[in-house]
């Protein structure tokens, strides 16, 4: 017989699911939001390191804030905003969510926050006024950061110049804090990172950075329809802002050395060749390039051991055979052989750079034609939806997430 708690939780899931289903395009993780990327990075402001006894703590916090890439979301790069002063608008289908000011301004920033309030925000996603943050703020990952490191980050933020800047009000839906409460009930698991005694110090350092400050899973782990990470597919790859965030698990990285993986972060060098672009280039230039070689090696060492399930492919809306039939009839001549410079189906190295442009761009090129490829690959009778099915078929058979 099921416990009363389980029955209550199942009832709650049904009710909350009905709310989410009435808003089918909403995702609190915001994987396909309209977001402006700044691949060249944002210039960090110079802290006031203060007296010698404070300097070490502030420097530690500065390093960790960079490891967490806090500057990317809390800077309005769309309008040349001041770093950490917030106001970046993240557009969704149900309105815009604005990031808060985290400078030490006492009126519009966090200058009046106590240590405990800061810890509660970072580890529990709870504001000083008791309301809840939506998980677009990655507190489900920051909960793993230990108190000492979090207070160092606070010391760093409080060493910055206060910026008096009120951010715009969020869209009405993002003021419905009971939705965040429901999400927490279903998906949030609080708790600092626990050291694994059977693993090396390097491995533990890498795990801590990936799972906590780096919040790598926010992009590289697929999410469910409520915007929560599918933990069984941890780091198995996902789509973020129309860019492919590849699998970074042991299976995907087994043919690469720790040094090669670390070079992706430090040198903007893709494992398959060519430069890193898109959101990952932004992460490199705002965050990872500031990290020590030892920490980058630790991250790489940990990633090479991560094991999780392979996420199932979503069936094509037109049926599983539609894309295959069109591909076989119109596309295989070039894409099976690489004729006329066409990327061969199954050639992951050839397709990943294209996937990073976004599926919409690939679809547009396919429909309109590009280079030696004619519009719709000569399937003039194909609808745009059928071409989309074909593109998805080719991507599914060319980019592995294993």
Protein backbone atom coordinates (compact mmCIF):
# COMPACT_ATOMS: atom_id res chain seq x y z
CA UNK A 1 0.00 0.00 0.00
CA UNK A 2 1.38 3.36 -0.97
CA UNK A 3 2.26 5.78 1.79
CA UNK A 4 0.18 8.90 2.31
CA UNK A 5 3.22 10.98 1.33
CA UNK A 6 3.53 9.21 -2.03
CA UNK A 7 -0.18 9.62 -2.75
CA UNK A 8 -0.04 13.30 -1.90
CA UNK A 9 3.02 13.77 -4.09
CA UNK A 10 1.38 12.00 -7.01
CA UNK A 11 -1.70 14.20 -6.66
CA UNK A 12 0.50 17.27 -6.51
CA UNK A 13 2.37 16.18 -9.65
CA UNK A 14 -0.93 15.81 -11.51
CA UNK A 15 -2.10 19.29 -10.49
CA UNK A 16 1.22 20.95 -11.21
CA UNK A 17 1.53 19.12 -14.54
CA UNK A 18 -1.83 20.54 -15.57
CA UNK A 19 -0.53 24.03 -14.91
CA UNK A 20 2.64 23.37 -16.92
CA UNK A 21 0.71 21.79 -19.77
CA UNK A 22 -1.39 24.92 -20.03
CA UNK A 23 1.89 26.76 -20.61
CA UNK A 24 3.61 24.28 -22.94
CA UNK A 25 6.46 26.50 -24.09
CA UNK A 26 7.63 27.58 -20.64
CA UNK A 27 10.90 26.20 -19.36
CA UNK A 28 12.51 27.50 -16.21
CA UNK A 29 15.88 26.29 -17.41
CA UNK A 30 15.33 28.46 -20.47
CA UNK A 31 17.16 26.21 -22.97
CA UNK A 32 15.97 28.04 -26.08
CA UNK A 33 15.63 31.60 -24.82
CA UNK A 34 16.53 34.65 -26.86
CA UNK A 35 19.93 35.32 -25.37
CA UNK A 36 22.71 37.57 -26.67
CA UNK A 37 26.10 35.87 -26.59
CA UNK A 38 29.38 37.70 -26.15
CA UNK A 39 32.03 35.21 -27.21
CA UNK A 40 34.90 37.63 -26.59
CA UNK A 41 34.10 37.78 -22.87
CA UNK A 42 33.30 40.60 -20.46
CA UNK A 43 35.96 42.71 -18.77
CA UNK A 44 36.00 42.08 -15.03
CA UNK A 45 35.98 45.11 -12.69
CA UNK A 46 38.91 45.50 -10.33
CA UNK A 47 38.05 44.59 -6.72
CA UNK A 48 39.04 46.61 -3.68
CA UNK A 49 41.18 44.01 -1.96
CA UNK A 50 41.30 46.01 1.26
CA UNK A 51 43.64 45.15 4.10
CA UNK A 52 46.01 42.22 3.84
CA UNK A 53 43.87 39.93 6.02
CA UNK A 54 40.95 40.32 3.58
CA UNK A 55 42.91 40.01 0.36
CA UNK A 56 43.28 36.23 0.38
CA UNK A 57 39.55 35.72 0.98
CA UNK A 58 38.58 38.18 -1.76
CA UNK A 59 41.02 36.65 -4.22
CA UNK A 60 39.59 33.21 -3.49
CA UNK A 61 36.07 34.53 -4.04
CA UNK A 62 37.12 36.24 -7.25
CA UNK A 63 38.48 32.95 -8.59
CA UNK A 64 35.32 31.06 -7.65
CA UNK A 65 33.01 33.74 -9.09
CA UNK A 66 34.89 33.41 -12.36
CA UNK A 67 34.65 29.62 -12.16
CA UNK A 68 30.89 30.05 -11.79
CA UNK A 69 30.67 32.53 -14.70
CA UNK A 70 28.45 34.83 -12.60
CA UNK A 71 29.31 37.78 -14.79
CA UNK A 72 27.62 36.32 -17.88
CA UNK A 73 24.07 36.40 -16.53
CA UNK A 74 24.40 39.36 -14.22
CA UNK A 75 25.64 41.79 -16.88
CA UNK A 76 23.29 43.40 -19.39
CA UNK A 77 25.44 42.75 -22.43
CA UNK A 78 22.47 43.60 -24.65
CA UNK A 79 22.84 47.25 -23.63
CA UNK A 80 26.54 47.50 -22.67
CA UNK A 81 25.60 47.22 -19.01
CA UNK A 82 27.94 47.41 -16.04
CA UNK A 83 29.32 44.04 -14.93
CA UNK A 84 27.35 42.39 -12.13
CA UNK A 85 24.68 45.16 -12.11
CA UNK A 86 22.07 42.82 -13.59
CA UNK A 87 19.28 43.70 -15.96
CA UNK A 88 20.02 41.10 -18.63
CA UNK A 89 16.69 40.19 -20.20
CA UNK A 90 16.15 36.52 -20.87
CA UNK A 91 13.22 36.36 -23.27
CA UNK A 92 10.83 33.43 -23.20
CA UNK A 93 7.51 32.74 -24.87
CA UNK A 94 5.73 33.90 -21.72
CA UNK A 95 7.70 37.10 -21.13
CA UNK A 96 11.09 38.32 -20.04
CA UNK A 97 12.97 37.35 -16.90
CA UNK A 98 15.60 39.89 -15.78
CA UNK A 99 18.72 39.03 -13.82
CA UNK A 100 19.27 40.87 -10.51
CA UNK A 101 21.92 43.37 -9.51
CA UNK A 102 24.54 41.60 -7.37
CA UNK A 103 26.84 44.55 -6.70
CA UNK A 104 27.02 45.72 -3.06
CA UNK A 105 24.65 48.65 -3.62
CA UNK A 106 22.39 48.78 -0.56
CA UNK A 107 19.28 49.95 -2.38
CA UNK A 108 19.28 48.03 -5.65
CA UNK A 109 21.89 45.31 -5.09
CA UNK A 110 22.85 42.90 -2.31
CA UNK A 111 24.69 45.37 -0.05
CA UNK A 112 22.34 44.76 2.88
CA UNK A 113 22.47 40.98 2.70
CA UNK A 114 23.83 39.09 5.68
CA UNK A 115 26.04 36.04 5.32
CA UNK A 116 23.10 33.77 6.11
CA UNK A 117 20.87 35.45 3.55
CA UNK A 118 23.54 35.04 0.88
CA UNK A 119 24.03 31.37 1.78
CA UNK A 120 20.28 30.75 1.72
CA UNK A 121 19.98 32.32 -1.71
CA UNK A 122 22.86 30.36 -3.17
CA UNK A 123 22.22 27.00 -1.52
CA UNK A 124 18.43 27.05 -1.21
CA UNK A 125 17.24 29.48 -3.89
CA UNK A 126 15.38 31.58 -1.31
CA UNK A 127 15.44 35.37 -1.39
CA UNK A 128 15.91 37.47 1.76
CA UNK A 129 12.17 38.28 1.67
CA UNK A 130 11.36 34.56 1.75
CA UNK A 131 10.19 34.21 -1.85
CA UNK A 132 11.69 31.67 -4.23
CA UNK A 133 14.02 32.05 -7.17
CA UNK A 134 13.13 30.27 -10.37
CA UNK A 135 15.76 27.69 -11.38
CA UNK A 136 16.95 29.85 -14.26
CA UNK A 137 19.21 30.88 -11.37
CA UNK A 138 21.29 27.70 -10.99
CA UNK A 139 20.88 27.23 -7.26
CA UNK A 140 20.19 23.49 -7.84
CA UNK A 141 23.91 23.34 -8.71
CA UNK A 142 25.19 26.05 -6.36
CA UNK A 143 23.72 24.13 -3.44
CA UNK A 144 26.78 21.88 -3.75
CA UNK A 145 29.22 24.74 -3.08
CA UNK A 146 30.45 24.68 0.51
CA UNK A 147 29.80 27.55 2.91
CA UNK A 148 33.44 28.64 3.06
CA UNK A 149 33.62 29.07 -0.70
CA UNK A 150 30.26 30.84 -0.85
CA UNK A 151 31.31 33.36 1.79
CA UNK A 152 34.49 33.97 -0.19
CA UNK A 153 32.33 34.74 -3.26
CA UNK A 154 30.27 37.12 -1.13
CA UNK A 155 33.45 38.85 0.08
CA UNK A 156 34.52 39.31 -3.55
CA UNK A 157 31.15 40.72 -4.65
CA UNK A 158 31.16 43.09 -1.68
CA UNK A 159 34.62 44.31 -2.68
CA UNK A 160 33.26 45.63 -6.00
CA UNK A 161 32.05 49.14 -6.62
CA UNK A 162 28.36 49.48 -5.71
CA UNK A 163 26.23 50.18 -8.78
CA UNK A 164 22.85 51.82 -8.19
CA UNK A 165 20.70 50.22 -10.86
CA UNK A 166 17.15 48.98 -10.60
CA UNK A 167 16.43 46.18 -13.04
CA UNK A 168 13.12 46.03 -14.93
CA UNK A 169 10.23 44.07 -13.48
CA UNK A 170 9.89 40.48 -14.55
CA UNK A 171 6.98 39.32 -16.71
CA UNK A 172 3.83 38.63 -14.64
CA UNK A 173 4.18 34.86 -14.84
CA UNK A 174 7.58 35.02 -13.16
CA UNK A 175 5.92 36.64 -10.18
CA UNK A 176 3.90 33.48 -9.56
CA UNK A 177 6.26 32.16 -6.93
CA UNK A 178 4.07 29.19 -6.10
CA UNK A 179 5.22 27.68 -9.41
CA UNK A 180 8.79 27.79 -8.16
CA UNK A 181 7.67 26.17 -4.90
CA UNK A 182 6.09 23.33 -6.83
CA UNK A 183 9.18 22.88 -8.96
CA UNK A 184 11.35 22.70 -5.84
CA UNK A 185 9.07 20.09 -4.28
CA UNK A 186 9.48 17.84 -7.29
CA UNK A 187 13.05 18.37 -8.39
CA UNK A 188 15.27 20.26 -5.94
CA UNK A 189 17.74 18.30 -3.83
CA UNK A 190 19.78 20.50 -1.51
CA UNK A 191 23.12 19.61 -0.01
CA UNK A 192 26.81 20.45 -0.29
CA UNK A 193 29.15 18.29 -2.34
CA UNK A 194 30.26 15.18 -0.49
CA UNK A 195 33.88 14.15 -0.87
CA UNK A 196 34.30 10.67 -2.36
CA UNK A 197 37.03 9.00 -0.24
CA UNK A 198 37.67 6.21 -2.76
CA UNK A 199 38.52 8.77 -5.47
CA UNK A 200 41.63 10.94 -5.78
CA UNK A 201 41.87 14.53 -4.64
CA UNK A 202 42.09 15.61 -8.29
CA UNK A 203 38.93 13.68 -9.18
CA UNK A 204 37.04 15.20 -6.24
CA UNK A 205 38.16 18.69 -7.18
CA UNK A 206 36.94 18.17 -10.73
CA UNK A 207 33.61 16.73 -9.57
CA UNK A 208 33.10 19.67 -7.22
CA UNK A 209 33.80 22.24 -9.94
CA UNK A 210 31.61 20.51 -12.53
CA UNK A 211 28.67 19.78 -10.25
CA UNK A 212 28.83 23.00 -8.24
CA UNK A 213 30.36 26.30 -9.39
CA UNK A 214 30.63 25.31 -13.05
CA UNK A 215 27.02 24.03 -13.22
CA UNK A 216 27.97 22.21 -16.43
CA UNK A 217 24.83 20.10 -16.30
CA UNK A 218 22.66 23.13 -16.90
CA UNK A 219 23.66 23.02 -20.58
CA UNK A 220 25.00 19.51 -21.13
CA UNK A 221 22.17 17.56 -19.49
CA UNK A 222 18.78 17.18 -21.22
CA UNK A 223 15.75 18.54 -19.39
CA UNK A 224 12.15 17.41 -19.00
CA UNK A 225 9.06 19.42 -19.94
CA UNK A 226 9.20 21.24 -16.61
CA UNK A 227 12.76 22.39 -17.23
CA UNK A 228 14.36 20.04 -14.69
CA UNK A 229 17.52 18.12 -15.50
CA UNK A 230 17.03 14.47 -16.39
CA UNK A 231 19.57 13.23 -13.89
CA UNK A 232 19.78 9.74 -15.36
CA UNK A 233 21.20 11.36 -18.53
CA UNK A 234 23.71 13.55 -16.69
CA UNK A 235 26.02 15.33 -19.17
CA UNK A 236 24.74 13.26 -22.12
CA UNK A 237 24.23 16.35 -24.28
CA UNK A 238 21.42 18.81 -24.98
CA UNK A 239 20.41 21.80 -27.10
CA UNK A 240 20.98 25.29 -25.67
CA UNK A 241 19.97 28.48 -27.49
CA UNK A 242 19.85 26.45 -30.72
CA UNK A 243 23.42 25.24 -30.16
CA UNK A 244 24.32 21.62 -29.57
CA UNK A 245 25.93 21.10 -26.16
CA UNK A 246 27.64 17.74 -26.72
CA UNK A 247 27.89 14.76 -24.43
CA UNK A 248 30.88 15.13 -22.10
CA UNK A 249 30.76 11.73 -20.43
CA UNK A 250 33.31 8.91 -20.39
CA UNK A 251 31.97 7.31 -23.58
CA UNK A 252 32.14 10.57 -25.52
CA UNK A 253 35.63 11.42 -24.25
CA UNK A 254 37.24 7.98 -24.21
CA UNK A 255 39.41 8.67 -27.27
CA UNK A 256 40.78 11.96 -25.95
CA UNK A 257 43.45 12.69 -23.37
CA UNK A 258 43.06 14.87 -20.32
CA UNK A 259 45.35 17.41 -22.00
CA UNK A 260 43.17 17.53 -25.13
CA UNK A 261 40.03 18.06 -23.09
CA UNK A 262 41.66 20.79 -20.99
CA UNK A 263 42.74 22.51 -24.22
CA UNK A 264 39.06 22.95 -25.15
CA UNK A 265 38.73 25.20 -22.10
CA UNK A 266 42.09 26.94 -22.13
CA UNK A 267 42.75 27.29 -25.85
CA UNK A 268 39.26 27.36 -27.44
CA UNK A 269 40.22 24.24 -29.38
CA UNK A 270 37.48 21.74 -30.26
CA UNK A 271 38.28 18.07 -29.82
CA UNK A 272 37.21 17.53 -33.42
CA UNK A 273 39.30 20.47 -34.67
CA UNK A 274 38.58 24.15 -35.21
CA UNK A 275 37.74 26.89 -32.72
CA UNK A 276 35.09 26.77 -30.00
CA UNK A 277 32.11 28.99 -30.87
CA UNK A 278 28.76 30.02 -29.46
CA UNK A 279 27.81 29.72 -25.79
CA UNK A 280 30.83 27.53 -24.97
CA UNK A 281 33.19 30.18 -26.32
CA UNK A 282 31.50 32.63 -23.97
CA UNK A 283 31.98 30.27 -21.04
CA UNK A 284 35.64 29.85 -21.93
CA UNK A 285 36.29 33.57 -22.18
CA UNK A 286 34.27 34.63 -19.13
CA UNK A 287 35.19 31.72 -16.91
CA UNK A 288 37.37 28.76 -17.80
CA UNK A 289 40.34 30.70 -19.17
CA UNK A 290 40.82 32.19 -15.69
CA UNK A 291 41.09 28.80 -14.02
CA UNK A 292 44.38 27.14 -13.12
CA UNK A 293 45.83 24.36 -15.28
CA UNK A 294 45.46 22.01 -12.31
CA UNK A 295 41.74 22.75 -12.04
CA UNK A 296 41.18 22.34 -15.78
CA UNK A 297 42.96 18.99 -15.61
CA UNK A 298 40.81 18.03 -12.62
CA UNK A 299 37.66 18.83 -14.58
CA UNK A 300 38.86 16.82 -17.56
CA UNK A 301 39.88 13.88 -15.36
CA UNK A 302 36.47 13.80 -13.70
CA UNK A 303 34.54 14.07 -16.97
CA UNK A 304 36.41 11.08 -18.38
CA UNK A 305 34.87 8.95 -15.60
CA UNK A 306 31.25 10.13 -15.76
CA UNK A 307 28.85 7.37 -16.72
CA UNK A 308 25.13 7.86 -17.35
CA UNK A 309 22.37 6.50 -19.52
CA UNK A 310 21.96 7.39 -23.18
CA UNK A 311 18.96 9.65 -23.66
CA UNK A 312 16.37 8.17 -26.03
CA UNK A 313 15.79 9.92 -29.32
CA UNK A 314 12.49 11.75 -29.77
CA UNK A 315 10.35 10.29 -32.56
CA UNK A 316 9.93 12.50 -35.59
CA UNK A 317 6.58 14.29 -35.73
CA UNK A 318 5.95 12.87 -39.20
CA UNK A 319 6.85 9.32 -38.23
CA UNK A 320 10.15 7.54 -37.88
CA UNK A 321 10.40 6.58 -41.56
CA UNK A 322 9.65 9.92 -43.23
CA UNK A 323 13.10 11.44 -42.94
CA UNK A 324 14.77 8.18 -43.90
CA UNK A 325 12.66 7.78 -47.05
CA UNK A 326 13.37 11.31 -48.26
CA UNK A 327 17.05 10.99 -47.42
CA UNK A 328 17.34 7.71 -49.33
CA UNK A 329 15.55 9.10 -52.38
CA UNK A 330 17.13 12.55 -52.63
CA UNK A 331 20.12 12.99 -50.34
CA UNK A 332 22.04 9.73 -50.14
CA UNK A 333 23.84 10.18 -53.45
CA UNK A 334 25.98 13.00 -52.04
CA UNK A 335 25.74 12.50 -48.28
CA UNK A 336 26.66 8.82 -48.33
CA UNK A 337 29.88 9.53 -50.23
CA UNK A 338 30.76 13.14 -49.42
CA UNK A 339 30.40 14.12 -53.07
CA UNK A 340 30.59 17.84 -53.90
CA UNK A 341 31.79 18.57 -50.38
CA UNK A 342 28.59 17.33 -48.73
CA UNK A 343 29.12 16.22 -45.11
CA UNK A 344 28.81 12.44 -44.96
CA UNK A 345 26.04 11.05 -42.83
CA UNK A 346 27.53 9.52 -39.70
CA UNK A 347 30.63 11.74 -39.82
CA UNK A 348 30.35 13.33 -36.38
CA UNK A 349 33.38 15.57 -36.89
CA UNK A 350 31.81 17.06 -40.01
CA UNK A 351 28.39 17.60 -38.48
CA UNK A 352 29.19 19.04 -35.05
CA UNK A 353 30.46 22.40 -36.41
CA UNK A 354 27.27 22.65 -38.45
CA UNK A 355 25.08 21.71 -35.50
CA UNK A 356 26.62 24.52 -33.49
CA UNK A 357 25.08 26.96 -35.96
CA UNK A 358 21.71 25.69 -34.75
CA UNK A 359 19.17 23.34 -36.28
CA UNK A 360 17.16 26.29 -37.60
CA UNK A 361 20.14 27.49 -39.65
CA UNK A 362 20.75 24.02 -41.09
CA UNK A 363 17.07 23.77 -41.98
CA UNK A 364 17.12 27.20 -43.62
CA UNK A 365 20.16 26.28 -45.72
CA UNK A 366 18.54 22.99 -46.73
CA UNK A 367 15.29 24.62 -47.78
CA UNK A 368 16.92 27.50 -49.65
CA UNK A 369 19.98 25.65 -50.93
CA UNK A 370 23.61 26.44 -50.19
CA UNK A 371 26.80 25.93 -52.17
CA UNK A 372 26.38 23.06 -54.61
CA UNK A 373 23.25 21.77 -52.85
CA UNK A 374 20.03 22.80 -54.62
CA UNK A 375 16.98 24.00 -52.68
CA UNK A 376 15.39 21.12 -50.77
CA UNK A 377 18.01 18.81 -52.21
CA UNK A 378 15.95 18.67 -55.42
CA UNK A 379 12.89 17.36 -53.57
CA UNK A 380 10.79 20.22 -54.91
CA UNK A 381 7.55 18.51 -53.87
CA UNK A 382 8.69 18.16 -50.24
CA UNK A 383 7.05 20.36 -47.65
CA UNK A 384 9.17 22.32 -45.19
CA UNK A 385 8.01 19.90 -42.51
CA UNK A 386 9.24 16.94 -44.54
CA UNK A 387 12.59 18.65 -45.08
CA UNK A 388 12.77 19.21 -41.34
CA UNK A 389 12.15 15.49 -40.78
CA UNK A 390 15.01 14.72 -43.16
CA UNK A 391 17.40 17.15 -41.46
CA UNK A 392 16.54 15.67 -38.06
CA UNK A 393 17.10 12.17 -39.42
CA UNK A 394 20.54 13.13 -40.72
CA UNK A 395 21.52 14.83 -37.47
CA UNK A 396 20.31 11.87 -35.41
CA UNK A 397 22.50 9.55 -37.45
CA UNK A 398 25.50 11.85 -37.47
CA UNK A 399 25.87 13.28 -33.97
CA UNK A 400 26.26 10.74 -31.21
CA UNK A 401 25.44 11.55 -27.59
CA UNK A 402 26.99 8.37 -26.29
